[in-house]
Amino acid sequence: MFKGLIGRKIGMTQIFDAKGAAVPVTLLEAGPCFVSQVKSAETDGYNAVQLAFGEAKPKRLTKAHLGHLKTNNLPPVRVMREFRTKQLDGISAGDKLDASVFAEGEHVDVIGISKGKGFAGVVKRHGFAGGPRTHGQSDRLRAPGSSGSTTTPGRVFKGKRGPGHMGNVQVTSSNVLVALVDPERNLIAVHGSVPGPKGGTVIIKEARKQ
């Protein structure tokens, strides 16, 4: 059975488990999602399900976007994502999926775009130790230090960690426990934190590393 949803991060709160312990959870608005396209190995070379989420005003979308949705009589929705899958049984274009796809106690992967933190130095970005705090060093405390080498090879290798843009990249929270499912309100609560700001788009998939 295909298990996947597009959602929106609402924020963090806490719930109490069966033993009375407070558990930090992240609330996700999961669905409703529409199946906008089903791709198969015979026609497209691979199996995948394309989902659409987040209703929007038609004037906010391109004609190509609207035309693609109109093929299966779907409402104008803003976000579309593709999910690779091995199982295409029981799913077809035009279907509607909600939070009931997942159950309490399951493990999922939550994918989102992390918060952008702007330009950051190596201490904040990569956890470098910085230079010594004594022996006359007044301006080298958080500096990266020497990054090149001598005559051989005489250059800085590609991929060397340094200062730069921090955050705003795709991050996956793997094997997260589903603590609560409320299909009536399209809510899923997962243990701990997930990447991204409040209101950010997230993808919820069946965990790969169970």
C-alpha atoms as a PDB file:
ATOM      1  CA  MET A   1       0.000   0.000   0.000  1.00  0.00           C
ATOM      2  CA  PHE A   2       1.293   3.464  -0.918  1.00  0.00           C
ATOM      3  CA  LYS A   3       2.064   5.625   2.117  1.00  0.00           C
ATOM      4  CA  GLY A   4       2.974   9.261   1.579  1.00  0.00           C
ATOM      5  CA  LEU A   5       1.569  12.748   2.164  1.00  0.00           C
ATOM      6  CA  ILE A   6       2.463  16.392   1.656  1.00  0.00           C
ATOM      7  CA  GLY A   7       1.837  18.587   4.666  1.00  0.00           C
ATOM      8  CA  ARG A   8       2.562  21.802   6.486  1.00  0.00           C
ATOM      9  CA  LYS A   9       4.426  22.284   9.741  1.00  0.00           C
ATOM     10  CA  ILE A  10       2.178  23.898  12.348  1.00  0.00           C
ATOM     11  CA  GLY A  11       4.549  24.020  15.321  1.00  0.00           C
ATOM     12  CA  MET A  12       5.650  22.172  18.451  1.00  0.00           C
ATOM     13  CA  THR A  13       3.730  21.243  21.580  1.00  0.00           C
ATOM     14  CA  GLN A  14       3.704  18.382  24.079  1.00  0.00           C
ATOM     15  CA  ILE A  15       1.424  15.461  24.840  1.00  0.00           C
ATOM     16  CA  PHE A  16       1.356  12.962  27.699  1.00  0.00           C
ATOM     17  CA  ASP A  17       2.003   9.281  27.017  1.00  0.00           C
ATOM     18  CA  ALA A  18       0.430   6.279  28.750  1.00  0.00           C
ATOM     19  CA  LYS A  19       2.915   6.555  31.636  1.00  0.00           C
ATOM     20  CA  GLY A  20       2.129  10.245  32.182  1.00  0.00           C
ATOM     21  CA  ALA A  21       5.440  11.509  30.807  1.00  0.00           C
ATOM     22  CA  ALA A  22       5.427  14.719  28.745  1.00  0.00           C
ATOM     23  CA  VAL A  23       6.591  14.035  25.174  1.00  0.00           C
ATOM     24  CA  PRO A  24       7.613  16.888  22.829  1.00  0.00           C
ATOM     25  CA  VAL A  25       5.883  16.559  19.457  1.00  0.00           C
ATOM     26  CA  THR A  26       5.585  18.500  16.202  1.00  0.00           C
ATOM     27  CA  LEU A  27       2.115  19.009  14.768  1.00  0.00           C
ATOM     28  CA  LEU A  28       1.791  18.577  11.000  1.00  0.00           C
ATOM     29  CA  GLU A  29      -1.192  19.425   8.833  1.00  0.00           C
ATOM     30  CA  ALA A  30      -1.073  16.298   6.664  1.00  0.00           C
ATOM     31  CA  GLY A  31      -3.298  16.520   3.620  1.00  0.00           C
ATOM     32  CA  PRO A  32      -5.807  16.297   2.216  1.00  0.00           C
ATOM     33  CA  CYS A  33      -3.731  15.413  -0.840  1.00  0.00           C
ATOM     34  CA  PHE A  34      -4.934  14.589  -4.329  1.00  0.00           C
ATOM     35  CA  VAL A  35      -3.294  12.053  -6.641  1.00  0.00           C
ATOM     36  CA  SER A  36      -2.534  14.217  -9.690  1.00  0.00           C
ATOM     37  CA  GLN A  37      -0.648  11.559 -11.677  1.00  0.00           C
ATOM     38  CA  VAL A  38       0.415   7.922 -11.450  1.00  0.00           C
ATOM     39  CA  LYS A  39       3.609   6.962 -13.301  1.00  0.00           C
ATOM     40  CA  SER A  40       4.424   3.368 -14.179  1.00  0.00           C
ATOM     41  CA  ALA A  41       7.510   1.572 -15.464  1.00  0.00           C
ATOM     42  CA  GLU A  42       5.710   0.715 -18.709  1.00  0.00           C
ATOM     43  CA  THR A  43       4.879   4.309 -19.672  1.00  0.00           C
ATOM     44  CA  ASP A  44       7.444   6.426 -17.789  1.00  0.00           C
ATOM     45  CA  GLY A  45      10.319   4.082 -17.011  1.00  0.00           C
ATOM     46  CA  TYR A  46       9.733   4.076 -13.240  1.00  0.00           C
ATOM     47  CA  ASN A  47       6.922   3.795 -10.690  1.00  0.00           C
ATOM     48  CA  ALA A  48       5.845   6.945  -8.869  1.00  0.00           C
ATOM     49  CA  VAL A  49       2.812   8.719  -7.440  1.00  0.00           C
ATOM     50  CA  GLN A  50       2.478  12.490  -7.837  1.00  0.00           C
ATOM     51  CA  LEU A  51       0.541  14.232  -5.058  1.00  0.00           C
ATOM     52  CA  ALA A  52      -0.918  17.745  -4.946  1.00  0.00           C
ATOM     53  CA  PHE A  53      -1.545  19.741  -1.750  1.00  0.00           C
ATOM     54  CA  GLY A  54      -2.587  23.218  -0.626  1.00  0.00           C
ATOM     55  CA  GLU A  55      -5.507  24.819  -2.428  1.00  0.00           C
ATOM     56  CA  ALA A  56      -4.746  28.177  -4.047  1.00  0.00           C
ATOM     57  CA  LYS A  57      -6.410  30.843  -6.178  1.00  0.00           C
ATOM     58  CA  PRO A  58      -6.321  29.900  -9.878  1.00  0.00           C
ATOM     59  CA  LYS A  59      -4.736  33.252 -10.783  1.00  0.00           C
ATOM     60  CA  ARG A  60      -1.721  32.295  -8.661  1.00  0.00           C
ATOM     61  CA  LEU A  61      -0.966  29.251 -10.826  1.00  0.00           C
ATOM     62  CA  THR A  62       0.303  28.908 -14.380  1.00  0.00           C
ATOM     63  CA  LYS A  63      -1.923  27.653 -17.189  1.00  0.00           C
ATOM     64  CA  ALA A  64       0.245  24.550 -17.556  1.00  0.00           C
ATOM     65  CA  HIS A  65      -0.147  23.814 -13.834  1.00  0.00           C
ATOM     66  CA  LEU A  66      -3.929  24.272 -14.000  1.00  0.00           C
ATOM     67  CA  GLY A  67      -4.185  22.202 -17.184  1.00  0.00           C
ATOM     68  CA  HIS A  68      -2.300  19.321 -15.582  1.00  0.00           C
ATOM     69  CA  LEU A  69      -4.725  19.319 -12.626  1.00  0.00           C
ATOM     70  CA  LYS A  70      -7.774  19.690 -14.864  1.00  0.00           C
ATOM     71  CA  THR A  71      -6.893  16.390 -16.557  1.00  0.00           C
ATOM     72  CA  ASN A  72      -8.238  14.573 -13.494  1.00  0.00           C
ATOM     73  CA  ASN A  73     -10.827  17.230 -12.465  1.00  0.00           C
ATOM     74  CA  LEU A  74      -8.772  18.364  -9.461  1.00  0.00           C
ATOM     75  CA  PRO A  75      -9.114  21.757  -7.745  1.00  0.00           C
ATOM     76  CA  PRO A  76      -6.298  24.338  -8.096  1.00  0.00           C
ATOM     77  CA  VAL A  77      -3.559  23.296  -5.657  1.00  0.00           C
ATOM     78  CA  ARG A  78      -0.182  24.899  -5.161  1.00  0.00           C
ATOM     79  CA  VAL A  79       2.314  22.190  -4.178  1.00  0.00           C
ATOM     80  CA  MET A  80       3.061  19.059  -6.198  1.00  0.00           C
ATOM     81  CA  ARG A  81       5.611  16.409  -5.244  1.00  0.00           C
ATOM     82  CA  GLU A  82       6.506  12.993  -6.609  1.00  0.00           C
ATOM     83  CA  PHE A  83       6.924   9.856  -4.501  1.00  0.00           C
ATOM     84  CA  ARG A  84       8.840   6.859  -5.831  1.00  0.00           C
ATOM     85  CA  THR A  85       7.098   3.618  -4.922  1.00  0.00           C
ATOM     86  CA  LYS A  86       7.105  -0.086  -5.736  1.00  0.00           C
ATOM     87  CA  GLN A  87       3.403  -0.561  -5.027  1.00  0.00           C
ATOM     88  CA  LEU A  88       0.846   1.016  -7.368  1.00  0.00           C
ATOM     89  CA  ASP A  89      -2.009  -1.313  -6.463  1.00  0.00           C
ATOM     90  CA  GLY A  90      -5.196   0.371  -5.289  1.00  0.00           C
ATOM     91  CA  ILE A  91      -4.235   3.924  -6.227  1.00  0.00           C
ATOM     92  CA  SER A  92      -5.280   5.935  -9.257  1.00  0.00           C
ATOM     93  CA  ALA A  93      -5.259   9.543 -10.449  1.00  0.00           C
ATOM     94  CA  GLY A  94      -7.959  11.646  -8.811  1.00  0.00           C
ATOM     95  CA  ASP A  95      -7.890   9.798  -5.466  1.00  0.00           C
ATOM     96  CA  LYS A  96      -7.926  11.809  -2.240  1.00  0.00           C
ATOM     97  CA  LEU A  97      -5.582  10.896   0.640  1.00  0.00           C
ATOM     98  CA  ASP A  98      -5.766  12.144   4.218  1.00  0.00           C
ATOM     99  CA  ALA A  99      -3.981  11.615   7.541  1.00  0.00           C
ATOM    100  CA  SER A 100      -5.548   8.172   7.955  1.00  0.00           C
ATOM    101  CA  VAL A 101      -2.851   6.843   5.582  1.00  0.00           C
ATOM    102  CA  PHE A 102      -0.627   6.620   8.686  1.00  0.00           C
ATOM    103  CA  ALA A 103      -1.369   5.087  12.077  1.00  0.00           C
ATOM    104  CA  GLU A 104      -0.225   5.852  15.597  1.00  0.00           C
ATOM    105  CA  GLY A 105       2.942   3.930  16.469  1.00  0.00           C
ATOM    106  CA  GLU A 106       4.324   3.847  12.909  1.00  0.00           C
ATOM    107  CA  HIS A 107       7.693   5.302  11.935  1.00  0.00           C
ATOM    108  CA  VAL A 108       8.002   7.880   9.157  1.00  0.00           C
ATOM    109  CA  ASP A 109      10.584  10.081   7.432  1.00  0.00           C
ATOM    110  CA  VAL A 110       9.793  13.809   7.425  1.00  0.00           C
ATOM    111  CA  ILE A 111      11.538  15.895   4.745  1.00  0.00           C
ATOM    112  CA  GLY A 112      11.642  19.679   4.765  1.00  0.00           C
ATOM    113  CA  ILE A 113      13.757  22.726   3.942  1.00  0.00           C
ATOM    114  CA  SER A 114      15.726  23.863   7.000  1.00  0.00           C
ATOM    115  CA  LYS A 115      15.574  27.432   8.278  1.00  0.00           C
ATOM    116  CA  GLY A 116      17.948  29.756   6.432  1.00  0.00           C
ATOM    117  CA  LYS A 117      20.467  31.360   8.786  1.00  0.00           C
ATOM    118  CA  GLY A 118      22.328  33.580   6.333  1.00  0.00           C
ATOM    119  CA  PHE A 119      26.118  33.862   6.145  1.00  0.00           C
ATOM    120  CA  ALA A 120      27.847  32.042   9.018  1.00  0.00           C
ATOM    121  CA  GLY A 121      31.438  31.479  10.048  1.00  0.00           C
ATOM    122  CA  VAL A 122      33.111  28.101  10.475  1.00  0.00           C
ATOM    123  CA  VAL A 123      32.577  27.945  14.254  1.00  0.00           C
ATOM    124  CA  LYS A 124      28.801  28.237  13.964  1.00  0.00           C
ATOM    125  CA  ARG A 125      28.441  26.442  10.629  1.00  0.00           C
ATOM    126  CA  HIS A 126      30.769  23.461  11.139  1.00  0.00           C
ATOM    127  CA  GLY A 127      31.716  23.494  14.821  1.00  0.00           C
ATOM    128  CA  PHE A 128      35.371  24.458  14.328  1.00  0.00           C
ATOM    129  CA  ALA A 129      37.281  25.133  17.573  1.00  0.00           C
ATOM    130  CA  GLY A 130      38.829  28.420  16.424  1.00  0.00           C
ATOM    131  CA  GLY A 131      42.265  29.652  17.354  1.00  0.00           C
ATOM    132  CA  PRO A 132      43.936  29.836  20.784  1.00  0.00           C
ATOM    133  CA  ARG A 133      42.468  32.395  23.174  1.00  0.00           C
ATOM    134  CA  THR A 134      45.855  33.614  24.373  1.00  0.00           C
ATOM    135  CA  HIS A 135      49.472  34.256  23.253  1.00  0.00           C
ATOM    136  CA  GLY A 136      48.602  37.622  21.751  1.00  0.00           C
ATOM    137  CA  GLN A 137      45.825  36.456  19.412  1.00  0.00           C
ATOM    138  CA  SER A 138      43.208  39.186  19.544  1.00  0.00           C
ATOM    139  CA  ASP A 139      41.473  38.717  16.190  1.00  0.00           C
ATOM    140  CA  ARG A 140      41.870  34.980  15.387  1.00  0.00           C
ATOM    141  CA  LEU A 141      39.497  33.507  17.980  1.00  0.00           C
ATOM    142  CA  ARG A 142      36.816  32.326  15.522  1.00  0.00           C
ATOM    143  CA  ALA A 143      38.926  32.246  12.354  1.00  0.00           C
ATOM    144  CA  PRO A 144      39.206  29.054  10.248  1.00  0.00           C
ATOM    145  CA  GLY A 145      42.995  29.176  10.179  1.00  0.00           C
ATOM    146  CA  SER A 146      45.122  28.025   7.265  1.00  0.00           C
ATOM    147  CA  SER A 147      43.095  26.206   4.609  1.00  0.00           C
ATOM    148  CA  GLY A 148      45.634  25.633   1.830  1.00  0.00           C
ATOM    149  CA  SER A 149      48.813  23.620   1.583  1.00  0.00           C
ATOM    150  CA  THR A 150      52.356  24.247   0.340  1.00  0.00           C
ATOM    151  CA  THR A 151      53.829  23.537  -3.091  1.00  0.00           C
ATOM    152  CA  THR A 152      52.052  20.191  -3.409  1.00  0.00           C
ATOM    153  CA  PRO A 153      49.244  20.440  -4.400  1.00  0.00           C
ATOM    154  CA  GLY A 154      49.391  24.221  -3.996  1.00  0.00           C
ATOM    155  CA  ARG A 155      45.632  24.747  -3.872  1.00  0.00           C
ATOM    156  CA  VAL A 156      42.562  24.271  -1.691  1.00  0.00           C
ATOM    157  CA  PHE A 157      40.693  21.044  -2.395  1.00  0.00           C
ATOM    158  CA  LYS A 158      37.119  21.326  -3.617  1.00  0.00           C
ATOM    159  CA  GLY A 159      34.596  20.705  -0.841  1.00  0.00           C
ATOM    160  CA  LYS A 160      36.780  22.175   1.920  1.00  0.00           C
ATOM    161  CA  ARG A 161      34.569  23.308   4.801  1.00  0.00           C
ATOM    162  CA  GLY A 162      34.529  27.060   5.249  1.00  0.00           C
ATOM    163  CA  PRO A 163      32.295  30.029   6.013  1.00  0.00           C
ATOM    164  CA  GLY A 164      29.202  30.505   3.854  1.00  0.00           C
ATOM    165  CA  HIS A 165      25.429  30.291   3.546  1.00  0.00           C
ATOM    166  CA  MET A 166      24.044  28.207   6.418  1.00  0.00           C
ATOM    167  CA  GLY A 167      20.694  26.418   6.288  1.00  0.00           C
ATOM    168  CA  ASN A 168      18.002  26.585   3.587  1.00  0.00           C
ATOM    169  CA  VAL A 169      18.804  23.046   2.423  1.00  0.00           C
ATOM    170  CA  GLN A 170      16.744  19.849   2.292  1.00  0.00           C
ATOM    171  CA  VAL A 171      16.902  17.906   5.546  1.00  0.00           C
ATOM    172  CA  THR A 172      15.356  14.545   6.432  1.00  0.00           C
ATOM    173  CA  SER A 173      14.318  13.536   9.950  1.00  0.00           C
ATOM    174  CA  SER A 174      14.566   9.746   9.721  1.00  0.00           C
ATOM    175  CA  ASN A 175      12.576   7.078  11.517  1.00  0.00           C
ATOM    176  CA  VAL A 176      10.369   9.480  13.502  1.00  0.00           C
ATOM    177  CA  LEU A 177       7.619   7.948  15.636  1.00  0.00           C
ATOM    178  CA  VAL A 178       4.011   8.937  14.921  1.00  0.00           C
ATOM    179  CA  ALA A 179       2.515   9.887  18.301  1.00  0.00           C
ATOM    180  CA  LEU A 180      -0.984  10.960  17.233  1.00  0.00           C
ATOM    181  CA  VAL A 181      -3.233  10.795  14.156  1.00  0.00           C
ATOM    182  CA  ASP A 182      -6.416  12.881  13.802  1.00  0.00           C
ATOM    183  CA  PRO A 183      -7.929  12.296  10.321  1.00  0.00           C
ATOM    184  CA  GLU A 184     -10.932  14.556  11.010  1.00  0.00           C
ATOM    185  CA  ARG A 185      -8.663  17.588  11.400  1.00  0.00           C
ATOM    186  CA  ASN A 186      -5.914  16.263   9.086  1.00  0.00           C
ATOM    187  CA  LEU A 187      -3.369  16.341  11.901  1.00  0.00           C
ATOM    188  CA  ILE A 188      -0.363  14.126  12.576  1.00  0.00           C
ATOM    189  CA  ALA A 189       1.887  14.573  15.611  1.00  0.00           C
ATOM    190  CA  VAL A 190       5.420  13.137  15.458  1.00  0.00           C
ATOM    191  CA  HIS A 191       7.986  12.775  18.229  1.00  0.00           C
ATOM    192  CA  GLY A 192      10.612  15.508  18.407  1.00  0.00           C
ATOM    193  CA  SER A 193      11.388  18.229  15.898  1.00  0.00           C
ATOM    194  CA  VAL A 194      11.229  18.304  12.113  1.00  0.00           C
ATOM    195  CA  PRO A 195      13.127  20.623   9.725  1.00  0.00           C
ATOM    196  CA  GLY A 196      11.779  23.957   8.557  1.00  0.00           C
ATOM    197  CA  PRO A 197       9.912  26.989   9.912  1.00  0.00           C
ATOM    198  CA  LYS A 198       6.281  27.132  11.002  1.00  0.00           C
ATOM    199  CA  GLY A 199       4.135  27.001   7.887  1.00  0.00           C
ATOM    200  CA  GLY A 200       6.878  25.270   5.899  1.00  0.00           C
ATOM    201  CA  THR A 201       6.010  22.485   3.462  1.00  0.00           C
ATOM    202  CA  VAL A 202       7.021  18.979   4.544  1.00  0.00           C
ATOM    203  CA  ILE A 203       6.873  15.538   2.942  1.00  0.00           C
ATOM    204  CA  ILE A 204       5.839  12.580   5.098  1.00  0.00           C
ATOM    205  CA  LYS A 205       6.898   9.145   3.867  1.00  0.00           C
ATOM    206  CA  GLU A 206       7.099   5.625   5.207  1.00  0.00           C
ATOM    207  CA  ALA A 207      10.419   5.236   7.035  1.00  0.00           C
ATOM    208  CA  ARG A 208      13.188   3.622   4.964  1.00  0.00           C
ATOM    209  CA  LYS A 209      15.398   2.590   7.909  1.00  0.00           C
ATOM    210  CA  GLN A 210      12.919   0.779  10.125  1.00  0.00           C
END
